[in-house]
Amino acid sequence: MSASLVSADAAPTGPDGQKLLAAGERVALRLWDEGPTPGQGPHAHPYETVGYALEGEATLTIDGAETKLTPGLSWVVPAGAEHFYSVSGHFKAIEATSPPARSN
């Protein structure tokens, strides 16, 4: 089995502007580099998301509870949890999803 290597500069872009860095059978990795954006509004996914903030600030709301995401903080959005992100300036983060988020 060989490794599949993708540069962030050459990674495909998803429908919401995320860079799709890697996807295996059980996990996917993506890069968000965006802002400002009001977000998609409350929604849920069938996959779990873990993230790590690199630059800027965003607000993550999960089941009505707000959390500020700033550089160095990590978070988890459980599968099926109603959530949304809003970005007032610039925000850069990496996220992993399991099972892989294939369409977004």
N, C-alpha and C. Protein backbone atom coordinates (compact mmCIF):
# COMPACT_ATOMS: atom_id res chain seq x y z
N MET A 1 0.85 -1.17 0.00
CA MET A 1 0.00 0.00 0.00
C MET A 1 0.90 1.24 0.00
N SER A 2 0.61 2.20 -0.86
CA SER A 2 1.42 3.42 -0.92
C SER A 2 0.64 4.60 -0.35
N ALA A 3 1.36 5.61 0.09
CA ALA A 3 0.76 6.82 0.64
C ALA A 3 0.24 7.69 -0.49
N SER A 4 -0.84 8.39 -0.23
CA SER A 4 -1.39 9.34 -1.17
C SER A 4 -1.09 10.74 -0.62
N LEU A 5 -0.28 11.50 -1.33
CA LEU A 5 0.14 12.82 -0.85
C LEU A 5 -0.56 13.93 -1.62
N VAL A 6 -1.05 14.94 -0.89
CA VAL A 6 -1.73 16.07 -1.51
C VAL A 6 -1.22 17.35 -0.86
N SER A 7 -0.77 18.31 -1.67
CA SER A 7 -0.39 19.62 -1.17
C SER A 7 -1.65 20.45 -0.96
N ALA A 8 -1.70 21.26 0.09
CA ALA A 8 -2.86 22.11 0.34
C ALA A 8 -3.12 23.03 -0.85
N ASP A 9 -2.06 23.46 -1.54
CA ASP A 9 -2.23 24.33 -2.71
C ASP A 9 -2.91 23.61 -3.86
N ALA A 10 -2.75 22.29 -3.95
CA ALA A 10 -3.31 21.52 -5.05
C ALA A 10 -4.56 20.74 -4.65
N ALA A 11 -4.97 20.83 -3.39
CA ALA A 11 -6.12 20.05 -2.90
C ALA A 11 -7.41 20.54 -3.54
N PRO A 12 -8.33 19.63 -3.83
CA PRO A 12 -9.63 20.06 -4.36
C PRO A 12 -10.40 20.86 -3.32
N THR A 13 -11.24 21.77 -3.81
CA THR A 13 -12.04 22.61 -2.93
C THR A 13 -13.46 22.09 -2.89
N GLY A 14 -14.02 22.02 -1.68
CA GLY A 14 -15.39 21.57 -1.49
C GLY A 14 -16.39 22.68 -1.74
N PRO A 15 -17.68 22.36 -1.65
CA PRO A 15 -18.72 23.34 -1.97
C PRO A 15 -18.78 24.54 -1.03
N ASP A 16 -18.21 24.42 0.17
CA ASP A 16 -18.23 25.54 1.12
C ASP A 16 -16.87 26.23 1.23
N GLY A 17 -15.95 25.93 0.29
CA GLY A 17 -14.65 26.58 0.28
C GLY A 17 -13.56 25.84 1.01
N GLN A 18 -13.86 24.72 1.63
CA GLN A 18 -12.86 23.95 2.36
C GLN A 18 -11.95 23.20 1.40
N LYS A 19 -10.69 23.04 1.80
CA LYS A 19 -9.72 22.26 1.03
C LYS A 19 -9.80 20.81 1.52
N LEU A 20 -9.98 19.89 0.62
CA LEU A 20 -10.09 18.48 0.94
C LEU A 20 -8.70 17.86 0.88
N LEU A 21 -8.04 17.79 2.04
CA LEU A 21 -6.64 17.40 2.09
C LEU A 21 -6.41 15.91 1.92
N ALA A 22 -7.22 15.08 2.58
CA ALA A 22 -7.03 13.63 2.49
C ALA A 22 -8.32 12.94 2.95
N ALA A 23 -8.58 11.77 2.38
CA ALA A 23 -9.73 10.98 2.80
C ALA A 23 -9.40 9.51 2.68
N GLY A 24 -9.59 8.81 3.76
CA GLY A 24 -9.42 7.37 3.76
C GLY A 24 -10.77 6.70 3.92
N GLU A 25 -10.76 5.45 4.31
CA GLU A 25 -11.99 4.71 4.51
C GLU A 25 -12.73 5.14 5.78
N ARG A 26 -11.99 5.58 6.81
CA ARG A 26 -12.60 5.87 8.11
C ARG A 26 -12.47 7.32 8.58
N VAL A 27 -11.64 8.11 7.91
CA VAL A 27 -11.42 9.48 8.36
C VAL A 27 -11.06 10.36 7.16
N ALA A 28 -11.40 11.66 7.26
CA ALA A 28 -11.03 12.63 6.23
C ALA A 28 -10.48 13.87 6.93
N LEU A 29 -9.62 14.60 6.21
CA LEU A 29 -8.98 15.80 6.74
C LEU A 29 -9.23 16.95 5.78
N ARG A 30 -9.61 18.10 6.36
CA ARG A 30 -9.86 19.27 5.52
C ARG A 30 -9.32 20.53 6.18
N LEU A 31 -9.06 21.54 5.37
CA LEU A 31 -8.54 22.83 5.81
C LEU A 31 -9.56 23.90 5.50
N TRP A 32 -9.88 24.70 6.51
CA TRP A 32 -10.74 25.86 6.32
C TRP A 32 -9.87 27.11 6.41
N ASP A 33 -9.98 28.01 5.45
CA ASP A 33 -9.26 29.28 5.44
C ASP A 33 -10.24 30.28 4.87
N GLU A 34 -11.00 30.93 5.76
CA GLU A 34 -12.14 31.70 5.30
C GLU A 34 -12.42 32.91 6.16
N GLY A 35 -13.40 33.66 5.75
CA GLY A 35 -13.93 34.75 6.52
C GLY A 35 -14.17 35.98 5.69
N PRO A 36 -14.96 36.87 6.18
CA PRO A 36 -16.00 36.61 7.17
C PRO A 36 -17.17 35.84 6.52
N THR A 37 -17.90 35.11 7.33
CA THR A 37 -19.07 34.37 6.85
C THR A 37 -20.06 34.18 8.00
N PRO A 38 -21.35 34.33 7.72
CA PRO A 38 -22.34 34.11 8.78
C PRO A 38 -22.59 32.63 9.05
N GLY A 39 -22.04 31.74 8.22
CA GLY A 39 -22.25 30.31 8.41
C GLY A 39 -23.50 29.83 7.72
N GLN A 40 -23.75 28.53 7.81
CA GLN A 40 -24.88 27.90 7.13
C GLN A 40 -26.16 27.93 7.94
N GLY A 41 -26.12 28.35 9.17
CA GLY A 41 -27.26 28.21 10.06
C GLY A 41 -27.24 26.82 10.68
N PRO A 42 -28.10 26.58 11.65
CA PRO A 42 -28.08 25.29 12.34
C PRO A 42 -28.27 24.11 11.38
N HIS A 43 -27.42 23.10 11.54
CA HIS A 43 -27.50 21.89 10.74
C HIS A 43 -26.81 20.76 11.49
N ALA A 44 -26.94 19.55 11.01
CA ALA A 44 -26.30 18.39 11.63
C ALA A 44 -25.72 17.50 10.53
N HIS A 45 -24.73 16.70 10.89
CA HIS A 45 -24.08 15.78 9.97
C HIS A 45 -24.07 14.37 10.57
N PRO A 46 -23.99 13.35 9.73
CA PRO A 46 -23.94 11.99 10.25
C PRO A 46 -22.53 11.56 10.68
N TYR A 47 -21.59 12.49 10.66
CA TYR A 47 -20.21 12.19 11.03
C TYR A 47 -19.76 13.05 12.21
N GLU A 48 -18.77 12.57 12.95
CA GLU A 48 -18.15 13.32 14.04
C GLU A 48 -17.06 14.21 13.44
N THR A 49 -16.91 15.41 14.00
CA THR A 49 -15.87 16.34 13.56
C THR A 49 -14.99 16.71 14.74
N VAL A 50 -13.67 16.66 14.53
CA VAL A 50 -12.73 17.22 15.49
C VAL A 50 -11.94 18.29 14.76
N GLY A 51 -11.67 19.41 15.43
CA GLY A 51 -10.99 20.51 14.77
C GLY A 51 -9.94 21.15 15.65
N TYR A 52 -9.06 21.92 15.00
CA TYR A 52 -8.00 22.65 15.69
C TYR A 52 -7.85 24.00 15.00
N ALA A 53 -7.99 25.09 15.78
CA ALA A 53 -7.90 26.45 15.25
C ALA A 53 -6.44 26.86 15.07
N LEU A 54 -6.12 27.38 13.89
CA LEU A 54 -4.76 27.83 13.57
C LEU A 54 -4.61 29.34 13.63
N GLU A 55 -5.58 30.06 13.07
CA GLU A 55 -5.51 31.53 13.00
C GLU A 55 -6.90 32.12 13.13
N GLY A 56 -6.97 33.35 13.62
CA GLY A 56 -8.23 34.08 13.66
C GLY A 56 -9.16 33.61 14.75
N GLU A 57 -10.45 33.88 14.54
CA GLU A 57 -11.47 33.54 15.54
C GLU A 57 -12.78 33.20 14.85
N ALA A 58 -13.48 32.24 15.41
CA ALA A 58 -14.82 31.86 14.95
C ALA A 58 -15.66 31.56 16.19
N THR A 59 -16.95 31.54 15.99
CA THR A 59 -17.87 31.12 17.04
C THR A 59 -18.53 29.83 16.59
N LEU A 60 -18.47 28.83 17.45
CA LEU A 60 -19.13 27.55 17.21
C LEU A 60 -20.30 27.44 18.18
N THR A 61 -21.47 27.18 17.65
CA THR A 61 -22.66 26.98 18.48
C THR A 61 -23.11 25.54 18.31
N ILE A 62 -23.15 24.80 19.42
CA ILE A 62 -23.60 23.41 19.42
C ILE A 62 -24.78 23.31 20.37
N ASP A 63 -25.91 22.86 19.85
CA ASP A 63 -27.12 22.71 20.66
C ASP A 63 -27.40 23.95 21.50
N GLY A 64 -27.19 25.14 20.90
CA GLY A 64 -27.49 26.41 21.56
C GLY A 64 -26.39 27.00 22.42
N ALA A 65 -25.30 26.25 22.68
CA ALA A 65 -24.20 26.75 23.51
C ALA A 65 -23.08 27.29 22.61
N GLU A 66 -22.70 28.56 22.82
CA GLU A 66 -21.65 29.20 22.02
C GLU A 66 -20.26 29.00 22.62
N THR A 67 -19.28 28.77 21.75
CA THR A 67 -17.87 28.66 22.14
C THR A 67 -17.04 29.46 21.15
N LYS A 68 -16.13 30.30 21.66
CA LYS A 68 -15.20 31.03 20.81
C LYS A 68 -14.03 30.11 20.47
N LEU A 69 -13.73 30.00 19.19
CA LEU A 69 -12.59 29.21 18.73
C LEU A 69 -11.46 30.16 18.39
N THR A 70 -10.34 30.03 19.07
CA THR A 70 -9.17 30.87 18.85
C THR A 70 -7.95 29.97 18.67
N PRO A 71 -6.85 30.51 18.13
CA PRO A 71 -5.68 29.67 17.86
C PRO A 71 -5.24 28.85 19.07
N GLY A 72 -5.01 27.57 18.81
CA GLY A 72 -4.56 26.66 19.84
C GLY A 72 -5.68 25.86 20.49
N LEU A 73 -6.94 26.21 20.21
CA LEU A 73 -8.06 25.48 20.79
C LEU A 73 -8.51 24.37 19.84
N SER A 74 -8.96 23.28 20.42
CA SER A 74 -9.53 22.19 19.63
C SER A 74 -10.96 21.96 20.08
N TRP A 75 -11.75 21.28 19.25
CA TRP A 75 -13.15 21.05 19.56
C TRP A 75 -13.64 19.76 18.93
N VAL A 76 -14.81 19.33 19.41
CA VAL A 76 -15.48 18.15 18.88
C VAL A 76 -16.94 18.50 18.64
N VAL A 77 -17.44 18.13 17.47
CA VAL A 77 -18.87 18.21 17.18
C VAL A 77 -19.33 16.77 17.00
N PRO A 78 -20.12 16.26 17.94
CA PRO A 78 -20.58 14.87 17.83
C PRO A 78 -21.46 14.65 16.60
N ALA A 79 -21.46 13.47 16.07
CA ALA A 79 -22.34 13.12 14.96
C ALA A 79 -23.78 13.38 15.37
N GLY A 80 -24.54 14.03 14.50
CA GLY A 80 -25.94 14.29 14.77
C GLY A 80 -26.23 15.53 15.59
N ALA A 81 -25.21 16.21 16.12
CA ALA A 81 -25.43 17.41 16.94
C ALA A 81 -25.78 18.60 16.05
N GLU A 82 -26.81 19.34 16.43
CA GLU A 82 -27.14 20.56 15.70
C GLU A 82 -26.10 21.62 16.04
N HIS A 83 -25.51 22.21 15.01
CA HIS A 83 -24.42 23.17 15.22
C HIS A 83 -24.33 24.15 14.06
N PHE A 84 -23.55 25.22 14.26
CA PHE A 84 -23.15 26.11 13.18
C PHE A 84 -21.96 26.94 13.61
N TYR A 85 -21.21 27.40 12.60
CA TYR A 85 -20.04 28.23 12.79
C TYR A 85 -20.35 29.61 12.21
N SER A 86 -19.81 30.67 12.83
CA SER A 86 -19.84 32.00 12.22
C SER A 86 -18.44 32.60 12.38
N VAL A 87 -18.03 33.33 11.35
CA VAL A 87 -16.69 33.91 11.31
C VAL A 87 -16.84 35.40 11.01
N SER A 88 -16.40 36.26 11.94
CA SER A 88 -16.55 37.70 11.74
C SER A 88 -15.35 38.32 11.03
N GLY A 89 -14.20 37.66 11.06
CA GLY A 89 -13.00 38.16 10.38
C GLY A 89 -12.40 37.04 9.55
N HIS A 90 -11.18 36.69 9.85
CA HIS A 90 -10.49 35.59 9.17
C HIS A 90 -10.36 34.42 10.14
N PHE A 91 -10.51 33.21 9.63
CA PHE A 91 -10.38 32.01 10.46
C PHE A 91 -9.74 30.90 9.63
N LYS A 92 -8.76 30.24 10.23
CA LYS A 92 -8.09 29.11 9.57
C LYS A 92 -8.03 27.97 10.57
N ALA A 93 -8.46 26.78 10.13
CA ALA A 93 -8.51 25.62 11.02
C ALA A 93 -8.37 24.34 10.20
N ILE A 94 -7.97 23.28 10.87
CA ILE A 94 -8.00 21.96 10.25
C ILE A 94 -9.06 21.14 10.99
N GLU A 95 -9.74 20.29 10.24
CA GLU A 95 -10.75 19.42 10.81
C GLU A 95 -10.60 18.01 10.27
N ALA A 96 -10.91 17.05 11.10
CA ALA A 96 -10.99 15.66 10.67
C ALA A 96 -12.43 15.20 10.91
N THR A 97 -12.94 14.40 10.00
CA THR A 97 -14.29 13.87 10.13
C THR A 97 -14.26 12.35 10.04
N SER A 98 -15.11 11.72 10.85
CA SER A 98 -15.19 10.27 10.85
C SER A 98 -16.63 9.85 11.07
N PRO A 99 -17.17 9.05 10.15
CA PRO A 99 -16.59 8.65 8.88
C PRO A 99 -16.36 9.86 7.99
N PRO A 100 -15.60 9.71 6.91
CA PRO A 100 -15.23 10.84 6.08
C PRO A 100 -16.42 11.65 5.58
N ALA A 101 -16.28 12.97 5.65
CA ALA A 101 -17.25 13.87 5.03
C ALA A 101 -16.93 13.89 3.55
N ARG A 102 -17.73 13.27 2.75
CA ARG A 102 -17.44 13.14 1.32
C ARG A 102 -17.95 14.30 0.49
N SER A 103 -19.11 14.84 0.83
CA SER A 103 -19.70 15.89 -0.01
C SER A 103 -19.50 17.28 0.54
N ASN A 104 -19.05 17.42 1.81
CA ASN A 104 -18.80 18.77 2.34
C ASN A 104 -17.81 18.71 3.41
